[in-house]
Amino acid sequence: MHEMSIIMSMMEIVKYHMMENRVTHLKKLKIRVGKLTAVEPQSLMFCFEVYTHGTSMEGAFLEIEDVPLLSKCKNCKDEFYREEFFSHCPVCNSDFIENISGHELDVVSMEAE
């Protein structure tokens, strides 16, 4: 389960910023998770709860923003969302496609006191 290592890395970032801002209680953490990361949001939630249990972060709310796979055809320049990684442009049927979004795995914001 690579979600636990992801949460551990993100929480190191959170702890650093909490220390820098002299806050001790995490209330909310917002993250963005792209479709291409192969991260399961439910597993991420579970790992977050396990990681924060018994700490000053316990009870914090984890908000996960799902980032869809947005692509652009390099042939006709059409931008489109897709569910499958391997697909063709819906306009010109080209397979010369670049991904614009979907790789994100970011800490967006946090609320603490």
PDB file of N, CA and C in Angstrom:
ATOM      1  N   MET A   1       0.856  -1.183   0.000  1.00  0.00           N
ATOM      2  CA  MET A   1       0.000   0.000   0.000  1.00  0.00           C
ATOM      3  C   MET A   1       0.895   1.238   0.000  1.00  0.00           C
ATOM      4  N   HIS A   2       1.077   1.850  -1.159  1.00  0.00           N
ATOM      5  CA  HIS A   2       1.943   3.028  -1.241  1.00  0.00           C
ATOM      6  C   HIS A   2       1.262   4.279  -0.704  1.00  0.00           C
ATOM      7  N   GLU A   3      -0.041   4.190  -0.434  1.00  0.00           N
ATOM      8  CA  GLU A   3      -0.753   5.342   0.125  1.00  0.00           C
ATOM      9  C   GLU A   3      -0.188   5.753   1.485  1.00  0.00           C
ATOM     10  N   MET A   4       0.247   4.775   2.287  1.00  0.00           N
ATOM     11  CA  MET A   4       0.798   5.117   3.605  1.00  0.00           C
ATOM     12  C   MET A   4       2.088   5.918   3.459  1.00  0.00           C
ATOM     13  N   SER A   5       2.954   5.545   2.539  1.00  0.00           N
ATOM     14  CA  SER A   5       4.189   6.321   2.362  1.00  0.00           C
ATOM     15  C   SER A   5       3.883   7.712   1.814  1.00  0.00           C
ATOM     16  N   ILE A   6       2.844   7.816   1.011  1.00  0.00           N
ATOM     17  CA  ILE A   6       2.434   9.137   0.500  1.00  0.00           C
ATOM     18  C   ILE A   6       1.959  10.010   1.656  1.00  0.00           C
ATOM     19  N   ILE A   7       1.099   9.440   2.515  1.00  0.00           N
ATOM     20  CA  ILE A   7       0.603  10.202   3.673  1.00  0.00           C
ATOM     21  C   ILE A   7       1.763  10.589   4.587  1.00  0.00           C
ATOM     22  N   MET A   8       2.681   9.682   4.814  1.00  0.00           N
ATOM     23  CA  MET A   8       3.819   9.989   5.679  1.00  0.00           C
ATOM     24  C   MET A   8       4.632  11.157   5.118  1.00  0.00           C
ATOM     25  N   SER A   9       4.852  11.177   3.823  1.00  0.00           N
ATOM     26  CA  SER A   9       5.596  12.275   3.196  1.00  0.00           C
ATOM     27  C   SER A   9       4.822  13.593   3.287  1.00  0.00           C
ATOM     28  N   MET A  10       3.531  13.522   3.014  1.00  0.00           N
ATOM     29  CA  MET A  10       2.717  14.741   3.090  1.00  0.00           C
ATOM     30  C   MET A  10       2.666  15.274   4.519  1.00  0.00           C
ATOM     31  N   MET A  11       2.589  14.382   5.486  1.00  0.00           N
ATOM     32  CA  MET A  11       2.494  14.816   6.866  1.00  0.00           C
ATOM     33  C   MET A  11       3.809  15.417   7.360  1.00  0.00           C
ATOM     34  N   GLU A  12       4.919  15.030   6.780  1.00  0.00           N
ATOM     35  CA  GLU A  12       6.185  15.686   7.107  1.00  0.00           C
ATOM     36  C   GLU A  12       6.134  17.152   6.672  1.00  0.00           C
ATOM     37  N   ILE A  13       5.544  17.402   5.524  1.00  0.00           N
ATOM     38  CA  ILE A  13       5.363  18.774   5.038  1.00  0.00           C
ATOM     39  C   ILE A  13       4.449  19.539   5.987  1.00  0.00           C
ATOM     40  N   VAL A  14       3.347  18.906   6.368  1.00  0.00           N
ATOM     41  CA  VAL A  14       2.385  19.534   7.274  1.00  0.00           C
ATOM     42  C   VAL A  14       3.041  19.849   8.620  1.00  0.00           C
ATOM     43  N   LYS A  15       3.750  18.887   9.186  1.00  0.00           N
ATOM     44  CA  LYS A  15       4.403  19.106  10.490  1.00  0.00           C
ATOM     45  C   LYS A  15       5.408  20.252  10.419  1.00  0.00           C
ATOM     46  N   TYR A  16       6.153  20.317   9.323  1.00  0.00           N
ATOM     47  CA  TYR A  16       7.120  21.403   9.151  1.00  0.00           C
ATOM     48  C   TYR A  16       6.411  22.759   9.174  1.00  0.00           C
ATOM     49  N   HIS A  17       5.319  22.879   8.418  1.00  0.00           N
ATOM     50  CA  HIS A  17       4.605  24.157   8.359  1.00  0.00           C
ATOM     51  C   HIS A  17       3.894  24.475   9.675  1.00  0.00           C
ATOM     52  N   MET A  18       3.429  23.445  10.373  1.00  0.00           N
ATOM     53  CA  MET A  18       2.823  23.687  11.682  1.00  0.00           C
ATOM     54  C   MET A  18       3.865  24.231  12.653  1.00  0.00           C
ATOM     55  N   MET A  19       5.051  23.649  12.629  1.00  0.00           N
ATOM     56  CA  MET A  19       6.129  24.108  13.502  1.00  0.00           C
ATOM     57  C   MET A  19       6.532  25.542  13.132  1.00  0.00           C
ATOM     58  N   GLU A  20       6.684  25.808  11.848  1.00  0.00           N
ATOM     59  CA  GLU A  20       7.077  27.143  11.381  1.00  0.00           C
ATOM     60  C   GLU A  20       6.068  28.215  11.792  1.00  0.00           C
ATOM     61  N   ASN A  21       4.797  27.833  11.842  1.00  0.00           N
ATOM     62  CA  ASN A  21       3.731  28.786  12.170  1.00  0.00           C
ATOM     63  C   ASN A  21       3.273  28.691  13.619  1.00  0.00           C
ATOM     64  N   ARG A  22       3.975  27.880  14.389  1.00  0.00           N
ATOM     65  CA  ARG A  22       3.709  27.726  15.821  1.00  0.00           C
ATOM     66  C   ARG A  22       2.252  27.359  16.115  1.00  0.00           C
ATOM     67  N   VAL A  23       1.759  26.388  15.386  1.00  0.00           N
ATOM     68  CA  VAL A  23       0.420  25.848  15.646  1.00  0.00           C
ATOM     69  C   VAL A  23       0.575  24.369  16.017  1.00  0.00           C
ATOM     70  N   THR A  24      -0.366  23.875  16.796  1.00  0.00           N
ATOM     71  CA  THR A  24      -0.213  22.503  17.288  1.00  0.00           C
ATOM     72  C   THR A  24      -1.359  21.577  16.910  1.00  0.00           C
ATOM     73  N   HIS A  25      -2.483  22.117  16.493  1.00  0.00           N
ATOM     74  CA  HIS A  25      -3.643  21.269  16.215  1.00  0.00           C
ATOM     75  C   HIS A  25      -4.075  21.421  14.753  1.00  0.00           C
ATOM     76  N   LEU A  26      -3.968  20.354  13.995  1.00  0.00           N
ATOM     77  CA  LEU A  26      -4.412  20.356  12.604  1.00  0.00           C
ATOM     78  C   LEU A  26      -5.919  20.149  12.558  1.00  0.00           C
ATOM     79  N   LYS A  27      -6.614  21.023  11.836  1.00  0.00           N
ATOM     80  CA  LYS A  27      -8.064  20.906  11.703  1.00  0.00           C
ATOM     81  C   LYS A  27      -8.465  20.327  10.350  1.00  0.00           C
ATOM     82  N   LYS A  28      -7.758  20.753   9.288  1.00  0.00           N
ATOM     83  CA  LYS A  28      -8.137  20.329   7.943  1.00  0.00           C
ATOM     84  C   LYS A  28      -6.913  20.337   7.041  1.00  0.00           C
ATOM     85  N   LEU A  29      -6.851  19.335   6.180  1.00  0.00           N
ATOM     86  CA  LEU A  29      -5.790  19.254   5.183  1.00  0.00           C
ATOM     87  C   LEU A  29      -6.450  19.014   3.836  1.00  0.00           C
ATOM     88  N   LYS A  30      -6.114  19.851   2.861  1.00  0.00           N
ATOM     89  CA  LYS A  30      -6.659  19.693   1.518  1.00  0.00           C
ATOM     90  C   LYS A  30      -5.526  19.281   0.586  1.00  0.00           C
ATOM     91  N   ILE A  31      -5.775  18.207  -0.162  1.00  0.00           N
ATOM     92  CA  ILE A  31      -4.784  17.727  -1.115  1.00  0.00           C
ATOM     93  C   ILE A  31      -5.434  17.524  -2.481  1.00  0.00           C
ATOM     94  N   ARG A  32      -4.593  17.487  -3.531  1.00  0.00           N
ATOM     95  CA  ARG A  32      -5.057  17.198  -4.890  1.00  0.00           C
ATOM     96  C   ARG A  32      -4.416  15.903  -5.336  1.00  0.00           C
ATOM     97  N   VAL A  33      -5.252  15.031  -5.909  1.00  0.00           N
ATOM     98  CA  VAL A  33      -4.771  13.731  -6.370  1.00  0.00           C
ATOM     99  C   VAL A  33      -5.209  13.527  -7.811  1.00  0.00           C
ATOM    100  N   GLY A  34      -4.233  13.435  -8.708  1.00  0.00           N
ATOM    101  CA  GLY A  34      -4.517  13.237 -10.120  1.00  0.00           C
ATOM    102  C   GLY A  34      -4.814  11.780 -10.447  1.00  0.00           C
ATOM    103  N   LYS A  35      -5.616  11.598 -11.468  1.00  0.00           N
ATOM    104  CA  LYS A  35      -6.015  10.261 -11.897  1.00  0.00           C
ATOM    105  C   LYS A  35      -4.818   9.387 -12.268  1.00  0.00           C
ATOM    106  N   LEU A  36      -3.763   9.966 -12.804  1.00  0.00           N
ATOM    107  CA  LEU A  36      -2.595   9.195 -13.233  1.00  0.00           C
ATOM    108  C   LEU A  36      -1.695   8.732 -12.089  1.00  0.00           C
ATOM    109  N   THR A  37      -1.959   9.170 -10.870  1.00  0.00           N
ATOM    110  CA  THR A  37      -1.105   8.794  -9.747  1.00  0.00           C
ATOM    111  C   THR A  37      -1.359   7.376  -9.257  1.00  0.00           C
ATOM    112  N   ALA A  38      -2.462   6.791  -9.656  1.00  0.00           N
ATOM    113  CA  ALA A  38      -2.842   5.437  -9.212  1.00  0.00           C
ATOM    114  C   ALA A  38      -2.990   5.369  -7.698  1.00  0.00           C
ATOM    115  N   VAL A  39      -3.410   6.473  -7.097  1.00  0.00           N
ATOM    116  CA  VAL A  39      -3.643   6.531  -5.664  1.00  0.00           C
ATOM    117  C   VAL A  39      -5.138   6.373  -5.425  1.00  0.00           C
ATOM    118  N   GLU A  40      -5.480   5.479  -4.515  1.00  0.00           N
ATOM    119  CA  GLU A  40      -6.872   5.210  -4.180  1.00  0.00           C
ATOM    120  C   GLU A  40      -7.294   6.151  -3.047  1.00  0.00           C
ATOM    121  N   PRO A  41      -8.242   7.074  -3.314  1.00  0.00           N
ATOM    122  CA  PRO A  41      -8.649   8.042  -2.279  1.00  0.00           C
ATOM    123  C   PRO A  41      -9.111   7.408  -0.969  1.00  0.00           C
ATOM    124  N   GLN A  42      -9.858   6.307  -1.025  1.00  0.00           N
ATOM    125  CA  GLN A  42     -10.323   5.665   0.207  1.00  0.00           C
ATOM    126  C   GLN A  42      -9.149   5.134   1.023  1.00  0.00           C
ATOM    127  N   SER A  43      -8.159   4.577   0.360  1.00  0.00           N
ATOM    128  CA  SER A  43      -6.966   4.094   1.059  1.00  0.00           C
ATOM    129  C   SER A  43      -6.193   5.255   1.666  1.00  0.00           C
ATOM    130  N   LEU A  44      -6.153   6.371   0.949  1.00  0.00           N
ATOM    131  CA  LEU A  44      -5.480   7.565   1.453  1.00  0.00           C
ATOM    132  C   LEU A  44      -6.164   8.061   2.728  1.00  0.00           C
ATOM    133  N   MET A  45      -7.494   8.064   2.715  1.00  0.00           N
ATOM    134  CA  MET A  45      -8.273   8.483   3.896  1.00  0.00           C
ATOM    135  C   MET A  45      -7.965   7.570   5.083  1.00  0.00           C
ATOM    136  N   PHE A  46      -7.969   6.272   4.827  1.00  0.00           N
ATOM    137  CA  PHE A  46      -7.694   5.306   5.889  1.00  0.00           C
ATOM    138  C   PHE A  46      -6.295   5.532   6.463  1.00  0.00           C
ATOM    139  N   CYS A  47      -5.312   5.678   5.598  1.00  0.00           N
ATOM    140  CA  CYS A  47      -3.926   5.889   6.052  1.00  0.00           C
ATOM    141  C   CYS A  47      -3.782   7.189   6.822  1.00  0.00           C
ATOM    142  N   PHE A  48      -4.508   8.213   6.413  1.00  0.00           N
ATOM    143  CA  PHE A  48      -4.492   9.492   7.122  1.00  0.00           C
ATOM    144  C   PHE A  48      -5.021   9.314   8.542  1.00  0.00           C
ATOM    145  N   GLU A  49      -6.126   8.591   8.673  1.00  0.00           N
ATOM    146  CA  GLU A  49      -6.703   8.355  10.000  1.00  0.00           C
ATOM    147  C   GLU A  49      -5.752   7.550  10.881  1.00  0.00           C
ATOM    148  N   VAL A  50      -5.126   6.530  10.308  1.00  0.00           N
ATOM    149  CA  VAL A  50      -4.164   5.717  11.064  1.00  0.00           C
ATOM    150  C   VAL A  50      -2.973   6.572  11.493  1.00  0.00           C
ATOM    151  N   TYR A  51      -2.451   7.374  10.582  1.00  0.00           N
ATOM    152  CA  TYR A  51      -1.264   8.182  10.859  1.00  0.00           C
ATOM    153  C   TYR A  51      -1.538   9.229  11.951  1.00  0.00           C
ATOM    154  N   THR A  52      -2.712   9.842  11.907  1.00  0.00           N
ATOM    155  CA  THR A  52      -3.006  10.930  12.844  1.00  0.00           C
ATOM    156  C   THR A  52      -3.551  10.443  14.186  1.00  0.00           C
ATOM    157  N   HIS A  53      -3.953   9.186  14.272  1.00  0.00           N
ATOM    158  CA  HIS A  53      -4.520   8.651  15.510  1.00  0.00           C
ATOM    159  C   HIS A  53      -3.539   8.826  16.676  1.00  0.00           C
ATOM    160  N   GLY A  54      -4.058   9.385  17.761  1.00  0.00           N
ATOM    161  CA  GLY A  54      -3.236   9.563  18.957  1.00  0.00           C
ATOM    162  C   GLY A  54      -2.289  10.740  18.904  1.00  0.00           C
ATOM    163  N   THR A  55      -2.420  11.583  17.889  1.00  0.00           N
ATOM    164  CA  THR A  55      -1.557  12.763  17.769  1.00  0.00           C
ATOM    165  C   THR A  55      -2.407  14.025  17.880  1.00  0.00           C
ATOM    166  N   SER A  56      -1.755  15.173  17.862  1.00  0.00           N
ATOM    167  CA  SER A  56      -2.488  16.446  17.892  1.00  0.00           C
ATOM    168  C   SER A  56      -3.227  16.688  16.577  1.00  0.00           C
ATOM    169  N   MET A  57      -3.007  15.820  15.622  1.00  0.00           N
ATOM    170  CA  MET A  57      -3.683  15.934  14.321  1.00  0.00           C
ATOM    171  C   MET A  57      -4.925  15.046  14.241  1.00  0.00           C
ATOM    172  N   GLU A  58      -5.149  14.235  15.277  1.00  0.00           N
ATOM    173  CA  GLU A  58      -6.299  13.328  15.263  1.00  0.00           C
ATOM    174  C   GLU A  58      -7.597  14.129  15.156  1.00  0.00           C
ATOM    175  N   GLY A  59      -8.500  13.639  14.321  1.00  0.00           N
ATOM    176  CA  GLY A  59      -9.781  14.309  14.117  1.00  0.00           C
ATOM    177  C   GLY A  59      -9.758  15.328  12.990  1.00  0.00           C
ATOM    178  N   ALA A  60      -8.587  15.572  12.429  1.00  0.00           N
ATOM    179  CA  ALA A  60      -8.497  16.525  11.311  1.00  0.00           C
ATOM    180  C   ALA A  60      -9.238  15.951  10.110  1.00  0.00           C
ATOM    181  N   PHE A  61      -9.788  16.834   9.317  1.00  0.00           N
ATOM    182  CA  PHE A  61     -10.524  16.444   8.123  1.00  0.00           C
ATOM    183  C   PHE A  61      -9.585  16.459   6.928  1.00  0.00           C
ATOM    184  N   LEU A  62      -9.579  15.369   6.180  1.00  0.00           N
ATOM    185  CA  LEU A  62      -8.782  15.291   4.950  1.00  0.00           C
ATOM    186  C   LEU A  62      -9.705  15.488   3.762  1.00  0.00           C
ATOM    187  N   GLU A  63      -9.495  16.570   3.029  1.00  0.00           N
ATOM    188  CA  GLU A  63     -10.277  16.850   1.820  1.00  0.00           C
ATOM    189  C   GLU A  63      -9.425  16.482   0.612  1.00  0.00           C
ATOM    190  N   ILE A  64      -9.976  15.615  -0.222  1.00  0.00           N
ATOM    191  CA  ILE A  64      -9.243  15.165  -1.405  1.00  0.00           C
ATOM    192  C   ILE A  64      -9.940  15.683  -2.656  1.00  0.00           C
ATOM    193  N   GLU A  65      -9.208  16.485  -3.410  1.00  0.00           N
ATOM    194  CA  GLU A  65      -9.708  16.984  -4.694  1.00  0.00           C
ATOM    195  C   GLU A  65      -9.202  16.047  -5.784  1.00  0.00           C
ATOM    196  N   ASP A  66     -10.119  15.387  -6.469  1.00  0.00           N
ATOM    197  CA  ASP A  66      -9.747  14.512  -7.574  1.00  0.00           C
ATOM    198  C   ASP A  66      -9.473  15.358  -8.806  1.00  0.00           C
ATOM    199  N   VAL A  67      -8.332  15.140  -9.425  1.00  0.00           N
ATOM    200  CA  VAL A  67      -7.959  15.877 -10.631  1.00  0.00           C
ATOM    201  C   VAL A  67      -8.086  14.918 -11.820  1.00  0.00           C
ATOM    202  N   PRO A  68      -9.001  15.221 -12.737  1.00  0.00           N
ATOM    203  CA  PRO A  68      -9.217  14.317 -13.872  1.00  0.00           C
ATOM    204  C   PRO A  68      -8.058  14.361 -14.864  1.00  0.00           C
ATOM    205  N   LEU A  69      -8.060  13.402 -15.733  1.00  0.00           N
ATOM    206  CA  LEU A  69      -7.040  13.321 -16.781  1.00  0.00           C
ATOM    207  C   LEU A  69      -7.487  14.210 -17.944  1.00  0.00           C
ATOM    208  N   LEU A  70      -6.837  15.370 -18.068  1.00  0.00           N
ATOM    209  CA  LEU A  70      -7.098  16.304 -19.154  1.00  0.00           C
ATOM    210  C   LEU A  70      -5.975  16.173 -20.160  1.00  0.00           C
ATOM    211  N   SER A  71      -6.334  16.013 -21.389  1.00  0.00           N
ATOM    212  CA  SER A  71      -5.339  15.814 -22.447  1.00  0.00           C
ATOM    213  C   SER A  71      -5.528  16.817 -23.560  1.00  0.00           C
ATOM    214  N   LYS A  72      -4.474  16.941 -24.379  1.00  0.00           N
ATOM    215  CA  LYS A  72      -4.514  17.839 -25.529  1.00  0.00           C
ATOM    216  C   LYS A  72      -3.920  17.101 -26.716  1.00  0.00           C
ATOM    217  N   CYS A  73      -4.636  17.170 -27.817  1.00  0.00           N
ATOM    218  CA  CYS A  73      -4.156  16.558 -29.043  1.00  0.00           C
ATOM    219  C   CYS A  73      -3.102  17.487 -29.657  1.00  0.00           C
ATOM    220  N   LYS A  74      -1.940  16.948 -29.927  1.00  0.00           N
ATOM    221  CA  LYS A  74      -0.876  17.751 -30.536  1.00  0.00           C
ATOM    222  C   LYS A  74      -1.123  17.961 -32.028  1.00  0.00           C
ATOM    223  N   ASN A  75      -2.041  17.202 -32.570  1.00  0.00           N
ATOM    224  CA  ASN A  75      -2.361  17.323 -33.984  1.00  0.00           C
ATOM    225  C   ASN A  75      -3.375  18.452 -34.229  1.00  0.00           C
ATOM    226  N   CYS A  76      -4.554  18.359 -33.609  1.00  0.00           N
ATOM    227  CA  CYS A  76      -5.609  19.353 -33.872  1.00  0.00           C
ATOM    228  C   CYS A  76      -5.789  20.366 -32.745  1.00  0.00           C
ATOM    229  N   LYS A  77      -5.037  20.195 -31.643  1.00  0.00           N
ATOM    230  CA  LYS A  77      -5.042  21.102 -30.480  1.00  0.00           C
ATOM    231  C   LYS A  77      -6.304  21.022 -29.629  1.00  0.00           C
ATOM    232  N   ASP A  78      -7.170  20.052 -29.863  1.00  0.00           N
ATOM    233  CA  ASP A  78      -8.369  19.882 -29.053  1.00  0.00           C
ATOM    234  C   ASP A  78      -7.975  19.419 -27.646  1.00  0.00           C
ATOM    235  N   GLU A  79      -8.648  19.963 -26.618  1.00  0.00           N
ATOM    236  CA  GLU A  79      -8.448  19.519 -25.249  1.00  0.00           C
ATOM    237  C   GLU A  79      -9.661  18.713 -24.838  1.00  0.00           C
ATOM    238  N   PHE A  80      -9.428  17.607 -24.150  1.00  0.00           N
ATOM    239  CA  PHE A  80     -10.531  16.732 -23.765  1.00  0.00           C
ATOM    240  C   PHE A  80     -10.176  15.929 -22.530  1.00  0.00           C
ATOM    241  N   TYR A  81     -11.213  15.562 -21.771  1.00  0.00           N
ATOM    242  CA  TYR A  81     -11.046  14.692 -20.613  1.00  0.00           C
ATOM    243  C   TYR A  81     -11.194  13.257 -21.077  1.00  0.00           C
ATOM    244  N   ARG A  82     -10.455  12.380 -20.421  1.00  0.00           N
ATOM    245  CA  ARG A  82     -10.577  10.973 -20.775  1.00  0.00           C
ATOM    246  C   ARG A  82     -10.489  10.105 -19.532  1.00  0.00           C
ATOM    247  N   GLU A  83     -11.116   8.964 -19.625  1.00  0.00           N
ATOM    248  CA  GLU A  83     -11.123   8.006 -18.525  1.00  0.00           C
ATOM    249  C   GLU A  83      -9.992   7.004 -18.654  1.00  0.00           C
ATOM    250  N   GLU A  84      -9.641   6.652 -19.860  1.00  0.00           N
ATOM    251  CA  GLU A  84      -8.612   5.651 -20.094  1.00  0.00           C
ATOM    252  C   GLU A  84      -7.307   6.321 -20.502  1.00  0.00           C
ATOM    253  N   PHE A  85      -6.214   5.721 -20.071  1.00  0.00           N
ATOM    254  CA  PHE A  85      -4.913   6.289 -20.402  1.00  0.00           C
ATOM    255  C   PHE A  85      -4.625   6.181 -21.896  1.00  0.00           C
ATOM    256  N   PHE A  86      -4.932   5.043 -22.475  1.00  0.00           N
ATOM    257  CA  PHE A  86      -4.694   4.848 -23.903  1.00  0.00           C
ATOM    258  C   PHE A  86      -5.986   5.130 -24.666  1.00  0.00           C
ATOM    259  N   SER A  87      -5.993   6.224 -25.387  1.00  0.00           N
ATOM    260  CA  SER A  87      -7.150   6.578 -26.203  1.00  0.00           C
ATOM    261  C   SER A  87      -6.699   7.514 -27.318  1.00  0.00           C
ATOM    262  N   HIS A  88      -7.618   7.832 -28.162  1.00  0.00           N
ATOM    263  CA  HIS A  88      -7.344   8.709 -29.308  1.00  0.00           C
ATOM    264  C   HIS A  88      -8.114  10.006 -29.163  1.00  0.00           C
ATOM    265  N   CYS A  89      -7.696  11.002 -29.892  1.00  0.00           N
ATOM    266  CA  CYS A  89      -8.392  12.280 -29.911  1.00  0.00           C
ATOM    267  C   CYS A  89      -9.808  12.057 -30.432  1.00  0.00           C
ATOM    268  N   PRO A  90     -10.806  12.569 -29.736  1.00  0.00           N
ATOM    269  CA  PRO A  90     -12.180  12.385 -30.190  1.00  0.00           C
ATOM    270  C   PRO A  90     -12.524  13.213 -31.434  1.00  0.00           C
ATOM    271  N   VAL A  91     -11.676  14.174 -31.782  1.00  0.00           N
ATOM    272  CA  VAL A  91     -11.942  15.029 -32.941  1.00  0.00           C
ATOM    273  C   VAL A  91     -11.271  14.482 -34.208  1.00  0.00           C
ATOM    274  N   CYS A  92      -9.963  14.207 -34.102  1.00  0.00           N
ATOM    275  CA  CYS A  92      -9.227  13.803 -35.313  1.00  0.00           C
ATOM    276  C   CYS A  92      -8.711  12.368 -35.276  1.00  0.00           C
ATOM    277  N   ASN A  93      -8.966  11.688 -34.172  1.00  0.00           N
ATOM    278  CA  ASN A  93      -8.574  10.292 -33.981  1.00  0.00           C
ATOM    279  C   ASN A  93      -7.050  10.073 -33.899  1.00  0.00           C
ATOM    280  N   SER A  94      -6.309  11.127 -33.683  1.00  0.00           N
ATOM    281  CA  SER A  94      -4.855  11.029 -33.547  1.00  0.00           C
ATOM    282  C   SER A  94      -4.502  10.391 -32.205  1.00  0.00           C
ATOM    283  N   ASP A  95      -3.380   9.717 -32.145  1.00  0.00           N
ATOM    284  CA  ASP A  95      -2.900   9.207 -30.863  1.00  0.00           C
ATOM    285  C   ASP A  95      -1.679  10.007 -30.377  1.00  0.00           C
ATOM    286  N   PHE A  96      -1.456  11.168 -30.965  1.00  0.00           N
ATOM    287  CA  PHE A  96      -0.369  12.071 -30.585  1.00  0.00           C
ATOM    288  C   PHE A  96      -0.922  13.037 -29.538  1.00  0.00           C
ATOM    289  N   ILE A  97      -0.989  12.560 -28.296  1.00  0.00           N
ATOM    290  CA  ILE A  97      -1.684  13.251 -27.216  1.00  0.00           C
ATOM    291  C   ILE A  97      -0.728  13.525 -26.065  1.00  0.00           C
ATOM    292  N   GLU A  98      -0.875  14.691 -25.445  1.00  0.00           N
ATOM    293  CA  GLU A  98      -0.112  15.004 -24.243  1.00  0.00           C
ATOM    294  C   GLU A  98      -1.079  15.192 -23.077  1.00  0.00           C
ATOM    295  N   ASN A  99      -0.626  14.846 -21.889  1.00  0.00           N
ATOM    296  CA  ASN A  99      -1.442  15.003 -20.688  1.00  0.00           C
ATOM    297  C   ASN A  99      -1.192  16.373 -20.078  1.00  0.00           C
ATOM    298  N   ILE A 100      -2.271  17.086 -19.836  1.00  0.00           N
ATOM    299  CA  ILE A 100      -2.183  18.418 -19.243  1.00  0.00           C
ATOM    300  C   ILE A 100      -2.338  18.348 -17.731  1.00  0.00           C
ATOM    301  N   SER A 101      -3.255  17.517 -17.275  1.00  0.00           N
ATOM    302  CA  SER A 101      -3.436  17.329 -15.837  1.00  0.00           C
ATOM    303  C   SER A 101      -3.723  15.863 -15.564  1.00  0.00           C
ATOM    304  N   GLY A 102      -3.554  15.507 -14.311  1.00  0.00           N
ATOM    305  CA  GLY A 102      -3.792  14.135 -13.904  1.00  0.00           C
ATOM    306  C   GLY A 102      -2.619  13.536 -13.159  1.00  0.00           C
ATOM    307  N   HIS A 103      -1.469  14.255 -13.111  1.00  0.00           N
ATOM    308  CA  HIS A 103      -0.293  13.732 -12.397  1.00  0.00           C
ATOM    309  C   HIS A 103      -0.153  14.340 -10.998  1.00  0.00           C
ATOM    310  N   GLU A 104      -1.057  15.229 -10.628  1.00  0.00           N
ATOM    311  CA  GLU A 104      -0.925  15.976  -9.375  1.00  0.00           C
ATOM    312  C   GLU A 104      -0.989  15.070  -8.138  1.00  0.00           C
ATOM    313  N   LEU A 105      -0.182  15.414  -7.175  1.00  0.00           N
ATOM    314  CA  LEU A 105      -0.221  14.814  -5.848  1.00  0.00           C
ATOM    315  C   LEU A 105       0.355  15.873  -4.922  1.00  0.00           C
ATOM    316  N   ASP A 106      -0.507  16.831  -4.547  1.00  0.00           N
ATOM    317  CA  ASP A 106      -0.053  18.043  -3.882  1.00  0.00           C
ATOM    318  C   ASP A 106      -0.806  18.324  -2.592  1.00  0.00           C
ATOM    319  N   VAL A 107      -0.103  18.930  -1.646  1.00  0.00           N
ATOM    320  CA  VAL A 107      -0.750  19.535  -0.491  1.00  0.00           C
ATOM    321  C   VAL A 107      -1.176  20.920  -0.952  1.00  0.00           C
ATOM    322  N   VAL A 108      -2.479  21.196  -0.874  1.00  0.00           N
ATOM    323  CA  VAL A 108      -3.015  22.473  -1.353  1.00  0.00           C
ATOM    324  C   VAL A 108      -3.085  23.487  -0.214  1.00  0.00           C
ATOM    325  N   SER A 109      -3.654  23.078   0.908  1.00  0.00           N
ATOM    326  CA  SER A 109      -3.794  23.983   2.036  1.00  0.00           C
ATOM    327  C   SER A 109      -4.010  23.197   3.316  1.00  0.00           C
ATOM    328  N   MET A 110      -3.864  23.909   4.409  1.00  0.00           N
ATOM    329  CA  MET A 110      -4.139  23.311   5.717  1.00  0.00           C
ATOM    330  C   MET A 110      -4.692  24.358   6.648  1.00  0.00           C
ATOM    331  N   GLU A 111      -5.530  23.913   7.572  1.00  0.00           N
ATOM    332  CA  GLU A 111      -6.058  24.780   8.614  1.00  0.00           C
ATOM    333  C   GLU A 111      -5.592  24.205   9.935  1.00  0.00           C
ATOM    334  N   ALA A 112      -5.020  25.059  10.767  1.00  0.00           N
ATOM    335  CA  ALA A 112      -4.513  24.605  12.057  1.00  0.00           C
ATOM    336  C   ALA A 112      -4.655  25.737  13.066  1.00  0.00           C
ATOM    337  N   GLU A 113      -4.580  25.362  14.320  1.00  0.00           N
ATOM    338  CA  GLU A 113      -4.628  26.373  15.394  1.00  0.00           C
ATOM    339  C   GLU A 113      -3.636  26.042  16.478  1.00  0.00           C
TER     340      GLU A 113
END
